[in-house]
Amino acid sequence: MKKIGLIAAMSGELNALLESMGEVTPLPAPNGKRVLYAKQGDKEIYLAESGIGEIYSTMAAQHLITAYGVEAIINFGVCGSLKKKHTLKKTVILSSVVHYEMDTSDLDGVEVGRYAHLPSVYIPLDKSLIEKAQAFDPTIETAICASGNKFVTKESDKRYLTEQYDADVCEMESAGIALTCMANNVPCLLIKAISDGEGGAEEFRAVVDEASRVYISLVKMLMQSL
């Protein structure tokens, strides 16, 4: 039986999936949030509500790997759009992630956004899982995500992320999950729905629950196919 880890930052992102999963069992969580267990066919599913931000998402990913031995992780949630083509409630699959706050340039001359042990600022993600998701929905697009511990609303910040990294979307958890999975040799897939764009925080609060529901069918299909 394969063990699959699911991570969402907020309860609103997770509850939309829980409504269709039947009975779940609470498990110990590392940061006072939620970890839930459910059986879905021949899969054991571990669902973590990580909390917002890179540190909490890192903790959740490592906890699922260390405590429960998950063999793959799917992170799903909402994000902000940095380009007009990525409209409200649209779903994208992340092709790579940039942790744009990473900066050791004064110490070692490594460019901002790159970890010294990686060849590029773009943290790679599992290509086979991306292809599997696109096989379920050939219309879904891939996106480059700028990830950091900041809710991005200023146009100057958005312009910097698009000009510097060609980022399509931004959010606050993907870099932590991607790096943790890479370090543990566990494949991960990151699925995001656009919850805010030019409307910023007010738009986010208004549509986050609705935006979260748009990727649920894709997540459920992927769970069963892994």
C-alpha atoms as a PDB file:
ATOM      1  CA  MET A   1       0.000   0.000   0.000  1.00  0.00           C
ATOM      2  CA  LYS A   2       1.465   3.349  -1.030  1.00  0.00           C
ATOM      3  CA  LYS A   3       1.632   6.291   1.375  1.00  0.00           C
ATOM      4  CA  ILE A   4       0.825   9.727  -0.044  1.00  0.00           C
ATOM      5  CA  GLY A   5       1.337  13.027   1.786  1.00  0.00           C
ATOM      6  CA  LEU A   6      -0.893  16.027   1.129  1.00  0.00           C
ATOM      7  CA  ILE A   7      -0.019  19.509   2.382  1.00  0.00           C
ATOM      8  CA  ALA A   8      -2.123  22.674   2.410  1.00  0.00           C
ATOM      9  CA  ALA A   9      -1.237  25.803   4.345  1.00  0.00           C
ATOM     10  CA  MET A  10      -4.708  26.821   5.521  1.00  0.00           C
ATOM     11  CA  SER A  11      -7.857  25.053   6.651  1.00  0.00           C
ATOM     12  CA  GLY A  12      -9.842  26.638   3.816  1.00  0.00           C
ATOM     13  CA  GLU A  13      -7.536  24.975   1.295  1.00  0.00           C
ATOM     14  CA  LEU A  14      -7.751  21.603   3.022  1.00  0.00           C
ATOM     15  CA  ASN A  15     -11.446  21.501   3.921  1.00  0.00           C
ATOM     16  CA  ALA A  16     -12.583  21.474   0.304  1.00  0.00           C
ATOM     17  CA  LEU A  17     -10.847  18.111  -0.121  1.00  0.00           C
ATOM     18  CA  LEU A  18     -11.855  16.702   3.259  1.00  0.00           C
ATOM     19  CA  GLU A  19     -15.524  17.079   2.391  1.00  0.00           C
ATOM     20  CA  SER A  20     -15.171  14.313  -0.200  1.00  0.00           C
ATOM     21  CA  MET A  21     -12.845  11.946   1.653  1.00  0.00           C
ATOM     22  CA  GLY A  22     -15.118  10.300   4.191  1.00  0.00           C
ATOM     23  CA  GLU A  23     -13.753   9.232   7.577  1.00  0.00           C
ATOM     24  CA  VAL A  24     -10.427  10.725   8.696  1.00  0.00           C
ATOM     25  CA  THR A  25      -8.378  10.133  11.851  1.00  0.00           C
ATOM     26  CA  PRO A  26      -6.452  12.924  13.638  1.00  0.00           C
ATOM     27  CA  LEU A  27      -2.734  12.297  14.175  1.00  0.00           C
ATOM     28  CA  PRO A  28      -0.057  14.163  16.181  1.00  0.00           C
ATOM     29  CA  ALA A  29       1.073  17.372  14.458  1.00  0.00           C
ATOM     30  CA  PRO A  30       4.454  19.091  14.906  1.00  0.00           C
ATOM     31  CA  ASN A  31       3.250  22.687  15.209  1.00  0.00           C
ATOM     32  CA  GLY A  32      -0.225  22.623  16.718  1.00  0.00           C
ATOM     33  CA  LYS A  33      -1.890  22.427  13.312  1.00  0.00           C
ATOM     34  CA  ARG A  34      -3.592  19.370  11.816  1.00  0.00           C
ATOM     35  CA  VAL A  35      -2.416  16.035  10.469  1.00  0.00           C
ATOM     36  CA  LEU A  36      -5.155  13.644   9.381  1.00  0.00           C
ATOM     37  CA  TYR A  37      -5.103  10.059   8.131  1.00  0.00           C
ATOM     38  CA  ALA A  38      -7.474   8.442   5.645  1.00  0.00           C
ATOM     39  CA  LYS A  39      -7.572   5.319   3.499  1.00  0.00           C
ATOM     40  CA  GLN A  40      -8.551   5.812  -0.119  1.00  0.00           C
ATOM     41  CA  GLY A  41      -8.672   2.513  -1.991  1.00  0.00           C
ATOM     42  CA  ASP A  42      -5.201   0.993  -1.846  1.00  0.00           C
ATOM     43  CA  LYS A  43      -3.598   4.252  -0.650  1.00  0.00           C
ATOM     44  CA  GLU A  44      -2.817   5.577   2.811  1.00  0.00           C
ATOM     45  CA  ILE A  45      -3.279   9.346   2.800  1.00  0.00           C
ATOM     46  CA  TYR A  46      -1.677  11.715   5.319  1.00  0.00           C
ATOM     47  CA  LEU A  47      -3.059  15.250   5.145  1.00  0.00           C
ATOM     48  CA  ALA A  48      -1.211  18.108   6.836  1.00  0.00           C
ATOM     49  CA  GLU A  49      -2.434  21.639   7.458  1.00  0.00           C
ATOM     50  CA  SER A  50       0.995  23.205   7.669  1.00  0.00           C
ATOM     51  CA  GLY A  51       0.347  26.807   8.521  1.00  0.00           C
ATOM     52  CA  ILE A  52       1.448  29.771   6.415  1.00  0.00           C
ATOM     53  CA  GLY A  53       5.061  30.319   5.396  1.00  0.00           C
ATOM     54  CA  GLU A  54       8.223  28.502   4.354  1.00  0.00           C
ATOM     55  CA  ILE A  55       9.242  27.341   7.843  1.00  0.00           C
ATOM     56  CA  TYR A  56       5.877  25.780   8.663  1.00  0.00           C
ATOM     57  CA  SER A  57       5.650  24.126   5.257  1.00  0.00           C
ATOM     58  CA  THR A  58       9.152  22.691   5.705  1.00  0.00           C
ATOM     59  CA  MET A  59       8.178  21.307   9.118  1.00  0.00           C
ATOM     60  CA  ALA A  60       5.054  19.696   7.693  1.00  0.00           C
ATOM     61  CA  ALA A  61       6.855  18.067   4.771  1.00  0.00           C
ATOM     62  CA  GLN A  62       9.627  16.658   6.939  1.00  0.00           C
ATOM     63  CA  HIS A  63       7.114  15.420   9.510  1.00  0.00           C
ATOM     64  CA  LEU A  64       5.137  13.492   6.891  1.00  0.00           C
ATOM     65  CA  ILE A  65       8.337  11.949   5.531  1.00  0.00           C
ATOM     66  CA  THR A  66       9.967  11.121   8.873  1.00  0.00           C
ATOM     67  CA  ALA A  67       6.955  10.130  10.976  1.00  0.00           C
ATOM     68  CA  TYR A  68       4.847   8.361   8.363  1.00  0.00           C
ATOM     69  CA  GLY A  69       7.199   7.467   5.524  1.00  0.00           C
ATOM     70  CA  VAL A  70       5.181   9.069   2.737  1.00  0.00           C
ATOM     71  CA  GLU A  71       6.489   8.161  -0.701  1.00  0.00           C
ATOM     72  CA  ALA A  72       5.255  11.259  -2.533  1.00  0.00           C
ATOM     73  CA  ILE A  73       3.897  14.663  -1.531  1.00  0.00           C
ATOM     74  CA  ILE A  74       1.228  16.744  -3.234  1.00  0.00           C
ATOM     75  CA  ASN A  75       1.006  20.349  -2.092  1.00  0.00           C
ATOM     76  CA  PHE A  76      -2.084  22.267  -3.103  1.00  0.00           C
ATOM     77  CA  GLY A  77      -3.351  25.707  -2.286  1.00  0.00           C
ATOM     78  CA  VAL A  78      -3.873  29.208  -3.544  1.00  0.00           C
ATOM     79  CA  CYS A  79      -1.403  31.729  -4.908  1.00  0.00           C
ATOM     80  CA  GLY A  80      -1.154  35.222  -6.322  1.00  0.00           C
ATOM     81  CA  SER A  81      -0.927  36.006 -10.015  1.00  0.00           C
ATOM     82  CA  LEU A  82       2.029  37.987 -11.339  1.00  0.00           C
ATOM     83  CA  LYS A  83       0.965  37.965 -14.993  1.00  0.00           C
ATOM     84  CA  LYS A  84      -2.377  38.936 -16.513  1.00  0.00           C
ATOM     85  CA  LYS A  85      -2.687  35.619 -18.374  1.00  0.00           C
ATOM     86  CA  HIS A  86      -3.073  33.835 -15.030  1.00  0.00           C
ATOM     87  CA  THR A  87      -6.583  34.863 -14.089  1.00  0.00           C
ATOM     88  CA  LEU A  88      -8.625  34.435 -10.934  1.00  0.00           C
ATOM     89  CA  LYS A  89      -9.419  30.791  -9.989  1.00  0.00           C
ATOM     90  CA  LYS A  90      -7.225  29.378 -12.747  1.00  0.00           C
ATOM     91  CA  THR A  91      -5.254  26.261 -11.764  1.00  0.00           C
ATOM     92  CA  VAL A  92      -1.570  25.844 -12.601  1.00  0.00           C
ATOM     93  CA  ILE A  93       1.057  23.196 -11.917  1.00  0.00           C
ATOM     94  CA  LEU A  94       4.423  24.507 -10.801  1.00  0.00           C
ATOM     95  CA  SER A  95       7.317  23.619 -13.101  1.00  0.00           C
ATOM     96  CA  SER A  96       9.926  25.191 -10.813  1.00  0.00           C
ATOM     97  CA  VAL A  97      10.203  27.372  -7.728  1.00  0.00           C
ATOM     98  CA  VAL A  98      12.436  30.329  -6.872  1.00  0.00           C
ATOM     99  CA  HIS A  99      13.051  31.107  -3.206  1.00  0.00           C
ATOM    100  CA  TYR A 100      13.596  34.778  -3.968  1.00  0.00           C
ATOM    101  CA  GLU A 101      14.473  35.716  -0.353  1.00  0.00           C
ATOM    102  CA  MET A 102      17.521  33.431  -0.324  1.00  0.00           C
ATOM    103  CA  ASP A 103      20.538  35.768  -0.361  1.00  0.00           C
ATOM    104  CA  THR A 104      24.118  34.865   0.554  1.00  0.00           C
ATOM    105  CA  SER A 105      25.567  37.134  -2.124  1.00  0.00           C
ATOM    106  CA  ASP A 106      27.633  39.251   0.293  1.00  0.00           C
ATOM    107  CA  LEU A 107      29.207  36.092   1.689  1.00  0.00           C
ATOM    108  CA  ASP A 108      29.933  33.982  -1.388  1.00  0.00           C
ATOM    109  CA  GLY A 109      28.886  35.943  -4.465  1.00  0.00           C
ATOM    110  CA  VAL A 110      26.083  33.519  -5.288  1.00  0.00           C
ATOM    111  CA  GLU A 111      23.252  35.359  -7.036  1.00  0.00           C
ATOM    112  CA  VAL A 112      20.153  36.247  -5.044  1.00  0.00           C
ATOM    113  CA  GLY A 113      17.643  33.405  -5.091  1.00  0.00           C
ATOM    114  CA  ARG A 114      20.113  30.567  -5.630  1.00  0.00           C
ATOM    115  CA  TYR A 115      21.270  27.989  -3.109  1.00  0.00           C
ATOM    116  CA  ALA A 116      25.005  27.421  -3.563  1.00  0.00           C
ATOM    117  CA  HIS A 117      24.636  23.660  -4.030  1.00  0.00           C
ATOM    118  CA  LEU A 118      22.128  24.102  -6.878  1.00  0.00           C
ATOM    119  CA  PRO A 119      23.120  25.103 -10.421  1.00  0.00           C
ATOM    120  CA  SER A 120      20.248  27.547 -10.851  1.00  0.00           C
ATOM    121  CA  VAL A 121      17.847  29.768  -8.905  1.00  0.00           C
ATOM    122  CA  TYR A 122      15.081  27.504 -10.158  1.00  0.00           C
ATOM    123  CA  ILE A 123      14.452  24.645  -7.733  1.00  0.00           C
ATOM    124  CA  PRO A 124      13.474  21.707  -9.972  1.00  0.00           C
ATOM    125  CA  LEU A 125      10.339  19.648  -9.459  1.00  0.00           C
ATOM    126  CA  ASP A 126       9.474  16.079 -10.403  1.00  0.00           C
ATOM    127  CA  LYS A 127       8.855  15.947 -14.164  1.00  0.00           C
ATOM    128  CA  SER A 128       7.088  12.593 -14.081  1.00  0.00           C
ATOM    129  CA  LEU A 129       4.438  13.873 -11.671  1.00  0.00           C
ATOM    130  CA  ILE A 130       3.949  17.010 -13.764  1.00  0.00           C
ATOM    131  CA  GLU A 131       3.445  14.866 -16.869  1.00  0.00           C
ATOM    132  CA  LYS A 132       1.003  12.640 -14.996  1.00  0.00           C
ATOM    133  CA  ALA A 133      -1.061  15.651 -13.930  1.00  0.00           C
ATOM    134  CA  GLN A 134      -1.099  17.043 -17.456  1.00  0.00           C
ATOM    135  CA  ALA A 135      -2.231  13.661 -18.759  1.00  0.00           C
ATOM    136  CA  PHE A 136      -5.358  14.025 -16.617  1.00  0.00           C
ATOM    137  CA  ASP A 137      -5.900  17.595 -17.824  1.00  0.00           C
ATOM    138  CA  PRO A 138      -3.967  18.522 -21.001  1.00  0.00           C
ATOM    139  CA  THR A 139      -5.234  22.107 -20.801  1.00  0.00           C
ATOM    140  CA  ILE A 140      -3.556  22.851 -17.469  1.00  0.00           C
ATOM    141  CA  GLU A 141      -0.533  25.125 -17.739  1.00  0.00           C
ATOM    142  CA  THR A 142       2.759  25.037 -15.885  1.00  0.00           C
ATOM    143  CA  ALA A 143       4.075  28.074 -14.037  1.00  0.00           C
ATOM    144  CA  ILE A 144       7.222  29.366 -12.383  1.00  0.00           C
ATOM    145  CA  CYS A 145       6.548  30.276  -8.759  1.00  0.00           C
ATOM    146  CA  ALA A 146       8.295  32.941  -6.693  1.00  0.00           C
ATOM    147  CA  SER A 147       8.072  31.699  -3.101  1.00  0.00           C
ATOM    148  CA  GLY A 148       8.963  33.621   0.045  1.00  0.00           C
ATOM    149  CA  ASN A 149       7.705  34.661   3.471  1.00  0.00           C
ATOM    150  CA  LYS A 150       5.774  37.655   2.190  1.00  0.00           C
ATOM    151  CA  PHE A 151       2.227  38.264   0.960  1.00  0.00           C
ATOM    152  CA  VAL A 152       3.019  40.187  -2.215  1.00  0.00           C
ATOM    153  CA  THR A 153       0.691  43.080  -3.033  1.00  0.00           C
ATOM    154  CA  LYS A 154       2.937  45.969  -4.157  1.00  0.00           C
ATOM    155  CA  GLU A 155       3.206  46.397  -7.910  1.00  0.00           C
ATOM    156  CA  SER A 156       6.928  47.123  -7.533  1.00  0.00           C
ATOM    157  CA  ASP A 157       7.453  43.732  -5.860  1.00  0.00           C
ATOM    158  CA  LYS A 158       5.425  41.945  -8.534  1.00  0.00           C
ATOM    159  CA  ARG A 159       7.381  43.681 -11.279  1.00  0.00           C
ATOM    160  CA  TYR A 160      10.671  42.662  -9.669  1.00  0.00           C
ATOM    161  CA  LEU A 161       9.659  38.989  -9.451  1.00  0.00           C
ATOM    162  CA  THR A 162       8.542  38.866 -13.068  1.00  0.00           C
ATOM    163  CA  GLU A 163      11.514  40.792 -14.447  1.00  0.00           C
ATOM    164  CA  GLN A 164      14.162  39.063 -12.325  1.00  0.00           C
ATOM    165  CA  TYR A 165      12.842  35.480 -12.400  1.00  0.00           C
ATOM    166  CA  ASP A 166      10.109  35.435 -15.079  1.00  0.00           C
ATOM    167  CA  ALA A 167       7.809  34.231 -12.288  1.00  0.00           C
ATOM    168  CA  ASP A 168       4.162  33.639 -13.123  1.00  0.00           C
ATOM    169  CA  VAL A 169       2.747  33.289  -9.606  1.00  0.00           C
ATOM    170  CA  CYS A 170       3.813  33.884  -6.020  1.00  0.00           C
ATOM    171  CA  GLU A 171       3.056  32.300  -2.653  1.00  0.00           C
ATOM    172  CA  MET A 172       4.620  31.385   0.688  1.00  0.00           C
ATOM    173  CA  GLU A 173       5.160  27.605   1.022  1.00  0.00           C
ATOM    174  CA  SER A 174       6.459  25.948  -2.148  1.00  0.00           C
ATOM    175  CA  ALA A 175      10.185  26.538  -1.688  1.00  0.00           C
ATOM    176  CA  GLY A 176      10.174  24.890   1.736  1.00  0.00           C
ATOM    177  CA  ILE A 177       8.313  21.832   0.463  1.00  0.00           C
ATOM    178  CA  ALA A 178      10.375  21.498  -2.718  1.00  0.00           C
ATOM    179  CA  LEU A 179      13.718  21.721  -0.905  1.00  0.00           C
ATOM    180  CA  THR A 180      12.629  19.290   1.821  1.00  0.00           C
ATOM    181  CA  CYS A 181      11.421  16.732  -0.708  1.00  0.00           C
ATOM    182  CA  MET A 182      14.616  17.102  -2.723  1.00  0.00           C
ATOM    183  CA  ALA A 183      16.754  16.522   0.379  1.00  0.00           C
ATOM    184  CA  ASN A 184      14.785  13.358   1.208  1.00  0.00           C
ATOM    185  CA  ASN A 185      14.562  12.070  -2.375  1.00  0.00           C
ATOM    186  CA  VAL A 186      10.755  12.171  -2.225  1.00  0.00           C
ATOM    187  CA  PRO A 187       8.937  13.363  -5.371  1.00  0.00           C
ATOM    188  CA  CYS A 188       6.533  16.246  -4.980  1.00  0.00           C
ATOM    189  CA  LEU A 189       3.922  17.976  -7.086  1.00  0.00           C
ATOM    190  CA  LEU A 190       2.737  21.528  -6.411  1.00  0.00           C
ATOM    191  CA  ILE A 191      -0.741  22.533  -7.611  1.00  0.00           C
ATOM    192  CA  LYS A 192      -1.960  26.114  -7.200  1.00  0.00           C
ATOM    193  CA  ALA A 193      -5.164  28.044  -7.863  1.00  0.00           C
ATOM    194  CA  ILE A 194      -5.093  31.802  -8.397  1.00  0.00           C
ATOM    195  CA  SER A 195      -6.824  33.555  -5.516  1.00  0.00           C
ATOM    196  CA  ASP A 196      -5.573  37.105  -5.926  1.00  0.00           C
ATOM    197  CA  GLY A 197      -4.143  39.399  -8.557  1.00  0.00           C
ATOM    198  CA  GLU A 198      -4.614  43.122  -8.851  1.00  0.00           C
ATOM    199  CA  GLY A 199      -7.138  42.987  -5.993  1.00  0.00           C
ATOM    200  CA  GLY A 200      -4.478  41.892  -3.499  1.00  0.00           C
ATOM    201  CA  ALA A 201      -5.398  40.922   0.050  1.00  0.00           C
ATOM    202  CA  GLU A 202      -9.057  41.993  -0.187  1.00  0.00           C
ATOM    203  CA  GLU A 203      -9.559  39.824  -3.271  1.00  0.00           C
ATOM    204  CA  PHE A 204      -7.760  36.938  -1.581  1.00  0.00           C
ATOM    205  CA  ARG A 205     -10.075  37.000   1.439  1.00  0.00           C
ATOM    206  CA  ALA A 206     -13.149  37.124  -0.798  1.00  0.00           C
ATOM    207  CA  VAL A 207     -12.362  34.163  -3.061  1.00  0.00           C
ATOM    208  CA  VAL A 208      -9.903  31.884  -1.244  1.00  0.00           C
ATOM    209  CA  ASP A 209     -12.479  29.194  -0.410  1.00  0.00           C
ATOM    210  CA  GLU A 210     -13.948  29.171  -3.902  1.00  0.00           C
ATOM    211  CA  ALA A 211     -10.524  29.173  -5.576  1.00  0.00           C
ATOM    212  CA  SER A 212      -9.446  26.240  -3.418  1.00  0.00           C
ATOM    213  CA  ARG A 213     -12.187  24.035  -4.853  1.00  0.00           C
ATOM    214  CA  VAL A 214     -11.045  24.268  -8.462  1.00  0.00           C
ATOM    215  CA  TYR A 215      -8.157  21.801  -8.106  1.00  0.00           C
ATOM    216  CA  ILE A 216      -9.866  19.179  -5.911  1.00  0.00           C
ATOM    217  CA  SER A 217     -10.767  16.768  -8.726  1.00  0.00           C
ATOM    218  CA  LEU A 218      -7.186  16.862 -10.021  1.00  0.00           C
ATOM    219  CA  VAL A 219      -5.760  16.174  -6.559  1.00  0.00           C
ATOM    220  CA  LYS A 220      -8.134  13.231  -6.065  1.00  0.00           C
ATOM    221  CA  MET A 221      -7.241  11.689  -9.440  1.00  0.00           C
ATOM    222  CA  LEU A 222      -3.546  12.047  -8.725  1.00  0.00           C
ATOM    223  CA  MET A 223      -3.869  10.436  -5.300  1.00  0.00           C
ATOM    224  CA  GLN A 224      -5.301   7.315  -6.845  1.00  0.00           C
ATOM    225  CA  SER A 225      -2.801   7.164  -9.700  1.00  0.00           C
ATOM    226  CA  LEU A 226       0.424   7.357  -7.677  1.00  0.00           C
END
